[in-house]
N, C-alpha and C. Protein backbone atom coordinates (compact mmCIF):
# COMPACT_ATOMS: atom_id res chain seq x y z
N MET A 1 40.78 57.30 19.89
CA MET A 1 41.51 58.35 20.19
C MET A 1 42.77 58.21 20.51
N ARG A 2 43.10 57.08 21.37
CA ARG A 2 44.36 56.63 21.76
C ARG A 2 45.25 56.03 20.41
N ASN A 3 44.58 55.40 19.78
CA ASN A 3 45.32 54.76 18.33
C ASN A 3 45.76 56.00 17.56
N VAL A 4 44.88 57.39 17.53
CA VAL A 4 45.29 58.36 16.58
C VAL A 4 46.63 58.93 17.20
N LYS A 5 46.88 59.07 18.55
CA LYS A 5 48.00 59.56 19.16
C LYS A 5 49.05 58.64 18.95
N ALA A 6 48.81 57.32 19.04
CA ALA A 6 50.10 56.28 18.83
C ALA A 6 50.50 56.42 17.43
N ILE A 7 49.48 56.43 16.38
CA ILE A 7 49.86 56.82 15.01
C ILE A 7 50.49 58.00 14.89
N PHE A 8 50.17 59.29 15.51
CA PHE A 8 51.10 60.49 15.30
C PHE A 8 52.36 60.48 15.80
N ILE A 9 52.57 59.96 17.06
CA ILE A 9 53.74 59.63 17.57
C ILE A 9 54.66 58.94 16.79
N PHE A 10 54.10 57.88 16.21
CA PHE A 10 54.79 57.00 15.32
C PHE A 10 55.46 57.69 14.12
N LEU A 11 54.44 58.26 13.48
CA LEU A 11 54.96 59.22 12.13
C LEU A 11 55.85 60.14 12.60
N THR A 12 55.80 61.03 13.57
CA THR A 12 56.73 62.01 13.82
C THR A 12 58.14 61.37 14.11
N VAL A 13 58.28 60.46 14.84
CA VAL A 13 59.26 59.52 15.21
C VAL A 13 60.05 59.13 14.01
N SER A 14 59.24 58.43 13.05
CA SER A 14 59.68 58.10 11.77
C SER A 14 60.25 59.11 11.01
N MET A 15 59.62 60.16 10.91
CA MET A 15 60.01 61.33 10.11
C MET A 15 61.22 61.85 10.48
N ILE A 16 61.24 61.81 11.91
CA ILE A 16 62.69 62.72 12.38
C ILE A 16 63.92 61.67 12.26
N SER A 17 63.68 60.45 12.69
CA SER A 17 64.68 59.49 12.77
C SER A 17 65.04 59.12 10.96
N GLY A 18 64.09 59.32 10.22
CA GLY A 18 64.50 59.12 8.76
C GLY A 18 65.30 60.10 7.94
N CYS A 19 65.36 61.46 8.88
CA CYS A 19 66.33 62.48 8.25
C CYS A 19 67.64 62.22 8.45
N GLY A 20 67.95 61.41 9.24
CA GLY A 20 69.61 61.11 9.50
C GLY A 20 69.95 62.26 10.43
N ALA A 21 71.14 62.54 9.87
CA ALA A 21 72.02 63.44 10.88
C ALA A 21 71.69 65.08 10.54
N TYR A 22 70.59 65.28 10.01
CA TYR A 22 70.52 66.57 9.40
C TYR A 22 69.98 67.60 10.43
N ASN A 23 70.07 68.72 10.64
CA ASN A 23 69.35 69.64 11.41
C ASN A 23 68.53 70.60 10.70
N PHE A 24 67.89 71.65 11.18
CA PHE A 24 67.08 72.29 10.46
C PHE A 24 67.78 73.32 9.42
N THR A 25 68.92 73.65 9.79
CA THR A 25 69.90 74.44 8.64
C THR A 25 70.24 73.66 7.46
N GLY A 26 70.22 72.63 7.43
CA GLY A 26 70.52 71.58 6.48
C GLY A 26 72.02 71.08 6.56
N GLY A 27 72.68 71.19 7.56
CA GLY A 27 74.21 70.61 8.10
C GLY A 27 73.88 69.05 8.03
N ASN A 28 74.87 68.49 7.36
CA ASN A 28 74.80 66.89 7.26
C ASN A 28 76.14 66.58 7.99
N VAL A 29 76.14 66.33 9.36
CA VAL A 29 77.44 66.02 10.28
C VAL A 29 77.65 64.70 10.07
N GLY A 30 76.91 63.75 9.55
CA GLY A 30 77.15 62.29 9.36
C GLY A 30 77.31 61.79 10.59
N THR A 31 78.57 61.01 10.92
CA THR A 31 78.95 60.39 12.06
C THR A 31 79.70 61.35 12.89
N ALA A 32 79.90 62.36 12.60
CA ALA A 32 80.86 63.40 13.37
C ALA A 32 79.90 63.54 14.51
N GLU A 33 81.08 64.06 15.41
CA GLU A 33 80.21 64.42 16.97
C GLU A 33 81.03 65.71 17.28
N THR A 34 82.20 65.80 16.85
CA THR A 34 83.11 67.08 17.62
C THR A 34 83.51 67.86 16.31
N PHE A 35 84.07 69.02 16.64
CA PHE A 35 84.87 69.83 15.67
C PHE A 35 85.74 70.39 16.22
N ARG A 36 86.75 70.89 15.50
CA ARG A 36 87.88 71.74 16.19
C ARG A 36 88.11 72.98 14.85
N VAL A 37 88.17 74.23 15.50
CA VAL A 37 88.69 75.49 14.38
C VAL A 37 90.01 75.76 15.06
N ASP A 38 91.04 75.65 14.38
CA ASP A 38 92.34 75.98 14.85
C ASP A 38 92.32 77.49 14.50
N TYR A 39 93.19 78.17 15.37
CA TYR A 39 93.43 79.66 15.11
C TYR A 39 93.84 80.15 13.59
N PHE A 40 92.86 80.73 13.00
CA PHE A 40 93.36 81.63 11.55
C PHE A 40 94.30 82.65 11.75
N GLN A 41 95.50 82.55 11.52
CA GLN A 41 96.59 83.57 11.65
C GLN A 41 96.34 84.65 10.46
N ASN A 42 96.70 85.71 10.63
CA ASN A 42 96.53 86.77 9.67
C ASN A 42 97.88 86.99 8.87
N TYR A 43 97.85 86.59 7.82
CA TYR A 43 98.85 86.57 6.69
C TYR A 43 98.50 87.57 5.50
N ALA A 44 97.40 88.49 5.76
CA ALA A 44 97.24 89.41 4.76
C ALA A 44 98.11 90.22 4.23
N THR A 45 99.03 90.46 5.13
CA THR A 45 100.27 91.76 4.54
C THR A 45 101.14 91.06 3.62
N GLN A 46 100.90 89.70 3.50
CA GLN A 46 101.88 88.83 2.47
C GLN A 46 101.48 89.17 1.11
N SER A 47 99.94 89.49 0.98
CA SER A 47 99.21 89.55 -0.43
C SER A 47 99.52 91.07 -0.63
N PRO A 48 99.76 91.44 -1.94
CA PRO A 48 100.28 92.59 -2.53
C PRO A 48 98.91 93.73 -2.27
N GLY A 49 99.16 94.88 -1.64
CA GLY A 49 98.09 95.66 -1.47
C GLY A 49 97.12 95.62 -0.28
N SER A 50 97.40 94.50 0.32
CA SER A 50 96.90 94.00 1.83
C SER A 50 97.37 94.95 2.83
N ILE A 51 96.36 95.35 3.85
CA ILE A 51 96.87 95.68 5.21
C ILE A 51 96.41 94.78 6.21
N PHE A 52 97.12 95.09 7.40
CA PHE A 52 97.16 94.36 8.78
C PHE A 52 96.22 95.09 9.63
N GLU A 53 95.11 94.28 9.88
CA GLU A 53 93.99 94.56 10.95
C GLU A 53 94.25 93.81 12.30
N PRO A 54 94.72 94.29 13.37
CA PRO A 54 95.19 93.62 14.58
C PRO A 54 93.55 92.87 15.10
N GLY A 55 93.70 91.83 15.55
CA GLY A 55 92.68 91.31 16.45
C GLY A 55 91.50 90.69 15.42
N MET A 56 91.58 90.85 14.17
CA MET A 56 90.84 90.29 13.13
C MET A 56 90.91 88.59 13.12
N ASP A 57 92.24 87.93 13.51
CA ASP A 57 92.43 86.75 13.28
C ASP A 57 91.57 86.05 14.52
N ARG A 58 91.57 86.45 15.75
CA ARG A 58 90.75 86.13 16.68
C ARG A 58 89.40 86.15 16.58
N ASP A 59 88.90 87.38 16.02
CA ASP A 59 87.45 87.69 15.66
C ASP A 59 86.90 86.62 14.79
N PHE A 60 87.56 86.28 13.47
CA PHE A 60 87.26 85.46 12.41
C PHE A 60 87.30 84.00 12.92
N THR A 61 88.22 83.64 13.98
CA THR A 61 88.20 82.26 14.57
C THR A 61 86.93 82.20 15.40
N GLN A 62 86.66 83.06 16.09
CA GLN A 62 85.55 82.88 17.04
C GLN A 62 84.18 82.92 16.28
N ALA A 63 84.14 83.62 15.15
CA ALA A 63 82.95 83.88 14.31
C ALA A 63 82.60 82.42 13.76
N LEU A 64 83.60 81.57 13.21
CA LEU A 64 83.69 80.55 12.46
C LEU A 64 83.16 79.48 13.59
N GLN A 65 83.94 79.57 14.91
CA GLN A 65 83.34 78.46 15.76
C GLN A 65 81.84 78.57 16.16
N THR A 66 81.43 79.94 16.43
CA THR A 66 80.15 80.14 16.73
C THR A 66 79.00 79.82 15.44
N ARG A 67 79.45 79.95 14.42
CA ARG A 67 78.65 79.56 13.16
C ARG A 67 78.35 78.08 13.13
N ILE A 68 79.38 77.19 13.44
CA ILE A 68 79.38 76.05 13.43
C ILE A 68 78.61 75.41 14.54
N GLN A 69 78.79 75.79 15.58
CA GLN A 69 77.92 75.62 17.08
C GLN A 69 76.40 76.05 16.76
N ASP A 70 76.01 77.08 15.98
CA ASP A 70 74.98 77.42 15.92
C ASP A 70 74.05 76.74 15.05
N GLN A 71 74.58 76.16 14.09
CA GLN A 71 74.24 75.49 13.04
C GLN A 71 74.25 74.05 12.87
N SER A 72 74.83 73.37 13.82
CA SER A 72 74.88 71.99 13.84
C SER A 72 74.90 71.48 15.48
N SER A 73 74.95 70.16 15.27
CA SER A 73 74.83 69.62 16.74
C SER A 73 76.13 69.16 17.07
N LEU A 74 77.30 69.46 16.55
CA LEU A 74 78.55 69.31 16.88
C LEU A 74 79.04 70.10 18.15
N THR A 75 80.06 69.24 18.96
CA THR A 75 80.63 69.90 20.03
C THR A 75 82.00 70.44 19.65
N LEU A 76 82.47 71.89 20.22
CA LEU A 76 83.47 72.39 19.77
C LEU A 76 84.68 71.59 20.75
N VAL A 77 85.92 71.09 20.30
CA VAL A 77 87.01 70.54 21.19
C VAL A 77 88.40 71.55 20.87
N ALA A 78 89.30 71.13 21.74
CA ALA A 78 90.32 72.12 21.69
C ALA A 78 91.29 71.28 20.97
N SER A 79 91.29 69.88 20.84
CA SER A 79 92.21 68.86 20.28
C SER A 79 91.50 67.94 19.61
N GLY A 80 92.05 67.33 18.61
CA GLY A 80 91.37 66.03 17.99
C GLY A 80 90.21 66.68 17.37
N GLY A 81 89.18 66.06 17.22
CA GLY A 81 88.09 66.42 16.41
C GLY A 81 87.72 65.77 15.27
N ASP A 82 86.39 65.37 15.03
CA ASP A 82 86.09 64.51 13.61
C ASP A 82 86.21 65.48 12.50
N LEU A 83 85.75 66.73 12.73
CA LEU A 83 86.07 67.82 11.71
C LEU A 83 87.09 68.94 12.14
N VAL A 84 87.94 69.10 11.15
CA VAL A 84 88.88 70.12 11.62
C VAL A 84 88.93 71.20 10.62
N TYR A 85 89.00 72.34 10.86
CA TYR A 85 89.06 73.62 10.12
C TYR A 85 90.27 74.43 10.51
N GLU A 86 91.08 74.43 9.41
CA GLU A 86 92.40 75.22 9.73
C GLU A 86 92.60 76.25 8.45
N GLY A 87 93.27 77.36 8.63
CA GLY A 87 93.66 78.05 7.46
C GLY A 87 94.31 79.52 7.85
N GLU A 88 93.90 80.43 7.18
CA GLU A 88 94.59 81.83 7.31
C GLU A 88 93.81 82.76 6.68
N ILE A 89 94.06 84.06 7.21
CA ILE A 89 93.53 85.40 6.64
C ILE A 89 94.48 85.58 5.49
N VAL A 90 94.20 85.55 4.22
CA VAL A 90 95.15 85.76 3.20
C VAL A 90 95.11 87.41 2.49
N GLU A 91 93.73 87.92 2.57
CA GLU A 91 93.70 89.14 2.10
C GLU A 91 92.91 90.33 2.91
N TYR A 92 93.17 91.52 3.11
CA TYR A 92 92.30 92.23 3.90
C TYR A 92 92.87 93.73 2.99
N ARG A 93 92.00 94.10 2.11
CA ARG A 93 92.03 95.13 1.27
C ARG A 93 91.15 96.04 1.04
N ILE A 94 91.55 97.45 0.73
CA ILE A 94 90.42 98.68 0.63
C ILE A 94 90.78 99.27 -0.78
N SER A 95 89.66 99.23 -1.51
CA SER A 95 89.80 99.35 -2.92
C SER A 95 88.70 100.57 -3.17
N PRO A 96 89.05 101.55 -4.12
CA PRO A 96 88.20 102.39 -4.54
C PRO A 96 87.02 101.73 -5.46
N MET A 97 86.00 101.89 -5.52
CA MET A 97 84.88 101.27 -6.25
C MET A 97 84.39 102.03 -7.44
N SER A 98 83.97 103.29 -6.95
CA SER A 98 83.10 104.17 -8.09
C SER A 98 83.71 105.57 -7.84
N ALA A 99 83.88 106.12 -8.94
CA ALA A 99 84.51 107.54 -9.10
C ALA A 99 83.50 108.63 -9.34
N THR A 100 83.65 109.63 -8.61
CA THR A 100 82.96 110.98 -8.96
C THR A 100 83.19 111.62 -10.27
N ALA A 101 82.57 112.76 -10.54
CA ALA A 101 82.89 113.48 -11.87
C ALA A 101 84.35 114.40 -11.40
N GLN A 102 84.78 114.30 -10.34
CA GLN A 102 85.84 114.92 -10.02
C GLN A 102 86.98 114.04 -9.91
N GLN A 103 86.92 112.86 -10.35
CA GLN A 103 87.83 111.70 -10.37
C GLN A 103 88.35 111.32 -9.03
N THR A 104 87.34 111.39 -7.96
CA THR A 104 87.75 111.07 -6.70
C THR A 104 86.84 109.77 -6.40
N ALA A 105 87.05 108.81 -5.61
CA ALA A 105 86.45 107.84 -5.01
C ALA A 105 85.03 108.28 -4.47
N ALA A 106 83.96 107.72 -4.97
CA ALA A 106 82.51 107.74 -4.18
C ALA A 106 82.17 106.77 -3.22
N GLN A 107 83.15 105.72 -3.36
CA GLN A 107 82.67 104.39 -2.60
C GLN A 107 84.12 103.53 -2.62
N ASN A 108 84.47 103.13 -1.39
CA ASN A 108 85.33 102.18 -1.16
C ASN A 108 84.98 100.72 -0.99
N ARG A 109 85.64 99.56 -1.24
CA ARG A 109 85.14 98.30 -0.76
C ARG A 109 86.38 97.80 0.13
N LEU A 110 85.68 97.14 1.30
CA LEU A 110 86.68 96.41 1.94
C LEU A 110 86.44 94.96 1.76
N SER A 111 87.69 94.13 1.17
CA SER A 111 87.57 92.84 0.88
C SER A 111 88.46 91.84 1.94
N ILE A 112 87.93 90.96 2.24
CA ILE A 112 88.65 89.91 3.16
C ILE A 112 88.53 88.64 2.31
N ALA A 113 89.55 87.93 2.51
CA ALA A 113 89.62 86.55 1.72
C ALA A 113 90.65 85.50 3.09
N VAL A 114 89.88 84.28 3.00
CA VAL A 114 90.54 83.41 3.97
C VAL A 114 90.68 81.89 3.06
N LYS A 115 91.78 81.43 3.54
CA LYS A 115 92.05 80.19 2.95
C LYS A 115 91.91 79.11 4.06
N VAL A 116 91.05 78.03 3.68
CA VAL A 116 90.41 77.05 4.66
C VAL A 116 90.72 75.74 4.09
N ARG A 117 91.36 74.95 5.09
CA ARG A 117 91.56 73.63 5.10
C ARG A 117 90.58 72.81 5.80
N PHE A 118 89.93 71.95 5.35
CA PHE A 118 88.82 71.09 5.99
C PHE A 118 89.07 69.75 5.93
N TYR A 119 89.27 69.05 7.06
CA TYR A 119 89.42 67.64 7.08
C TYR A 119 88.22 66.92 7.89
N ASN A 120 87.73 66.04 7.06
CA ASN A 120 86.59 65.25 7.80
C ASN A 120 87.06 63.86 7.95
N ASN A 121 87.53 63.78 9.37
CA ASN A 121 87.96 62.07 9.67
C ASN A 121 87.32 61.33 9.60
N THR A 122 85.90 61.46 9.64
CA THR A 122 84.76 60.36 9.47
C THR A 122 84.57 60.11 7.98
N LYS A 123 85.01 60.84 7.15
CA LYS A 123 84.75 60.77 5.58
C LYS A 123 85.55 61.74 4.74
N GLU A 124 86.81 60.66 4.28
CA GLU A 124 87.89 61.36 3.66
C GLU A 124 87.77 62.19 2.35
N ASP A 125 86.50 61.72 1.60
CA ASP A 125 86.44 62.35 0.13
C ASP A 125 85.80 63.90 0.61
N ALA A 126 85.55 64.32 1.74
CA ALA A 126 84.85 65.28 2.07
C ALA A 126 85.81 66.57 2.26
N ASP A 127 87.10 66.01 2.20
CA ASP A 127 87.98 67.18 2.72
C ASP A 127 88.33 68.13 1.47
N PHE A 128 88.58 69.60 1.72
CA PHE A 128 89.09 70.25 0.73
C PHE A 128 89.86 71.47 1.38
N ASP A 129 90.40 72.15 0.18
CA ASP A 129 91.48 73.23 0.29
C ASP A 129 90.73 74.53 -0.51
N GLN A 130 90.41 75.37 0.23
CA GLN A 130 89.55 76.39 -0.65
C GLN A 130 89.72 77.82 -0.10
N ARG A 131 89.62 78.84 -0.98
CA ARG A 131 89.65 80.13 -0.50
C ARG A 131 88.08 80.76 -0.53
N PHE A 132 87.80 81.58 0.26
CA PHE A 132 86.49 82.08 0.58
C PHE A 132 86.88 83.68 0.74
N SER A 133 85.86 84.40 -0.10
CA SER A 133 86.11 85.66 0.25
C SER A 133 84.71 86.52 0.08
N PHE A 134 84.63 87.60 0.53
CA PHE A 134 83.48 88.52 0.51
C PHE A 134 83.88 89.91 0.77
N PHE A 135 82.96 90.94 0.42
CA PHE A 135 83.19 92.37 0.47
C PHE A 135 82.18 93.47 1.26
N TYR A 136 82.57 94.51 1.34
CA TYR A 136 81.67 95.58 2.13
C TYR A 136 81.87 96.85 1.52
N ASP A 137 80.74 97.35 0.70
CA ASP A 137 81.10 98.57 0.13
C ASP A 137 80.66 99.81 1.12
N TYR A 138 81.41 100.86 1.12
CA TYR A 138 81.05 101.98 2.14
C TYR A 138 81.33 103.26 1.36
N PRO A 139 80.84 104.49 1.84
CA PRO A 139 81.15 105.81 1.08
C PRO A 139 82.52 106.01 1.35
N ALA A 140 83.17 106.71 0.44
CA ALA A 140 84.47 106.95 0.60
C ALA A 140 84.74 108.17 1.41
N ALA A 141 83.80 108.75 1.75
CA ALA A 141 83.81 110.07 2.78
C ALA A 141 83.92 109.38 4.24
N ALA A 142 83.72 108.13 4.32
CA ALA A 142 83.65 107.54 5.81
C ALA A 142 84.98 106.87 5.93
N GLN A 143 85.45 106.90 7.15
CA GLN A 143 86.84 106.33 7.70
C GLN A 143 86.48 104.82 7.72
N LEU A 144 87.42 104.00 7.58
CA LEU A 144 87.05 102.67 7.77
C LEU A 144 86.91 102.29 9.26
N SER A 145 87.50 102.99 10.10
CA SER A 145 87.15 102.57 11.68
C SER A 145 85.78 102.80 12.03
N SER A 146 85.18 103.81 11.33
CA SER A 146 83.72 104.23 11.48
C SER A 146 82.61 102.98 11.13
N VAL A 147 83.03 102.37 10.07
CA VAL A 147 82.34 101.35 9.32
C VAL A 147 82.95 99.81 9.86
N LYS A 148 83.81 99.68 10.34
CA LYS A 148 84.93 98.51 10.55
C LYS A 148 84.19 97.29 11.11
N ASP A 149 83.19 97.59 12.28
CA ASP A 149 82.52 96.75 13.04
C ASP A 149 81.40 96.04 12.36
N GLU A 150 80.69 96.83 11.63
CA GLU A 150 79.44 96.64 10.69
C GLU A 150 80.01 95.54 9.42
N ALA A 151 81.05 96.16 8.88
CA ALA A 151 81.67 95.58 7.73
C ALA A 151 82.29 94.20 8.11
N HIS A 152 83.00 94.12 9.35
CA HIS A 152 83.50 92.60 9.63
C HIS A 152 82.38 91.83 9.90
N GLU A 153 81.35 92.12 10.50
CA GLU A 153 80.13 91.35 10.64
C GLU A 153 79.54 90.94 9.59
N VAL A 154 79.35 91.73 8.41
CA VAL A 154 78.60 91.08 7.24
C VAL A 154 79.44 90.34 6.65
N ILE A 155 80.77 90.57 6.37
CA ILE A 155 81.69 89.96 5.91
C ILE A 155 82.12 88.45 6.36
N PHE A 156 82.14 88.41 7.67
CA PHE A 156 82.28 87.09 8.46
C PHE A 156 81.27 86.40 8.35
N GLU A 157 79.94 87.01 8.23
CA GLU A 157 78.71 86.25 8.33
C GLU A 157 78.55 85.33 7.06
N ARG A 158 79.10 86.15 5.90
CA ARG A 158 78.82 85.78 4.53
C ARG A 158 80.24 84.40 4.41
N ILE A 159 81.17 84.64 5.03
CA ILE A 159 82.30 83.76 4.47
C ILE A 159 82.37 82.54 5.60
N THR A 160 81.67 82.90 6.64
CA THR A 160 81.58 81.59 7.52
C THR A 160 80.55 80.61 7.06
N GLN A 161 79.26 81.40 6.62
CA GLN A 161 78.03 80.69 6.06
C GLN A 161 78.54 80.00 4.84
N ASP A 162 79.39 80.54 4.07
CA ASP A 162 80.04 79.77 2.73
C ASP A 162 81.08 78.40 3.23
N ILE A 163 81.62 78.73 4.35
CA ILE A 163 82.53 77.62 4.74
C ILE A 163 81.70 76.44 5.43
N PHE A 164 80.65 76.82 6.13
CA PHE A 164 79.73 75.89 6.56
C PHE A 164 78.98 75.16 5.50
N ASN A 165 78.51 75.85 4.49
CA ASN A 165 77.74 75.06 3.53
C ASN A 165 78.89 74.31 2.66
N ALA A 166 80.04 74.75 2.58
CA ALA A 166 80.79 73.84 1.79
C ALA A 166 81.32 72.61 2.47
N SER A 167 81.33 72.65 3.89
CA SER A 167 81.85 71.39 4.51
C SER A 167 80.69 70.50 5.14
N LEU A 168 79.42 71.24 5.38
CA LEU A 168 78.32 70.58 6.20
C LEU A 168 77.03 70.53 5.35
N ALA A 169 76.82 71.24 4.46
CA ALA A 169 75.54 71.44 3.79
C ALA A 169 75.48 70.14 2.43
N ASP A 170 74.72 69.35 2.73
CA ASP A 170 74.76 68.35 1.76
C ASP A 170 73.53 68.33 0.83
N TRP A 171 73.65 69.54 -0.02
CA TRP A 171 72.26 69.62 -0.78
C TRP A 171 72.14 68.85 -1.90
């Protein structure tokens, strides 16, 4: 019985250590131990048709920090960092998506896009400069203010997961 326990422990440790620096979400942090997310400024109004949403820059920055903390073993730092995320919000747009027989909008779409520059100071060939976007459709009869919290949550969840996958998911 004692040998069975020893073999089980040995196999368990071997399997875990053989997986390298992966965690259960699929993130490969390599030799990185820390990350930094710089404040994502809201430059959406510089894009034609975009509008300004106060506080969204803070909310998005925090959502990205939380995503990386929740899905990796990395430690958030205020300066330096093995992995660095920086960028800006470049689009915040509401567009009509479908029309009724009376030629009015039946549904609106909120679209948000961010431009991200990622630097991996432990592995240079992993750096990227990429745009990420997603949307949320809602009834045209609803005001954006009544669906904004849910819309931002859905959009931020998708965009931050896409950023995480692009930077750390080594599929």
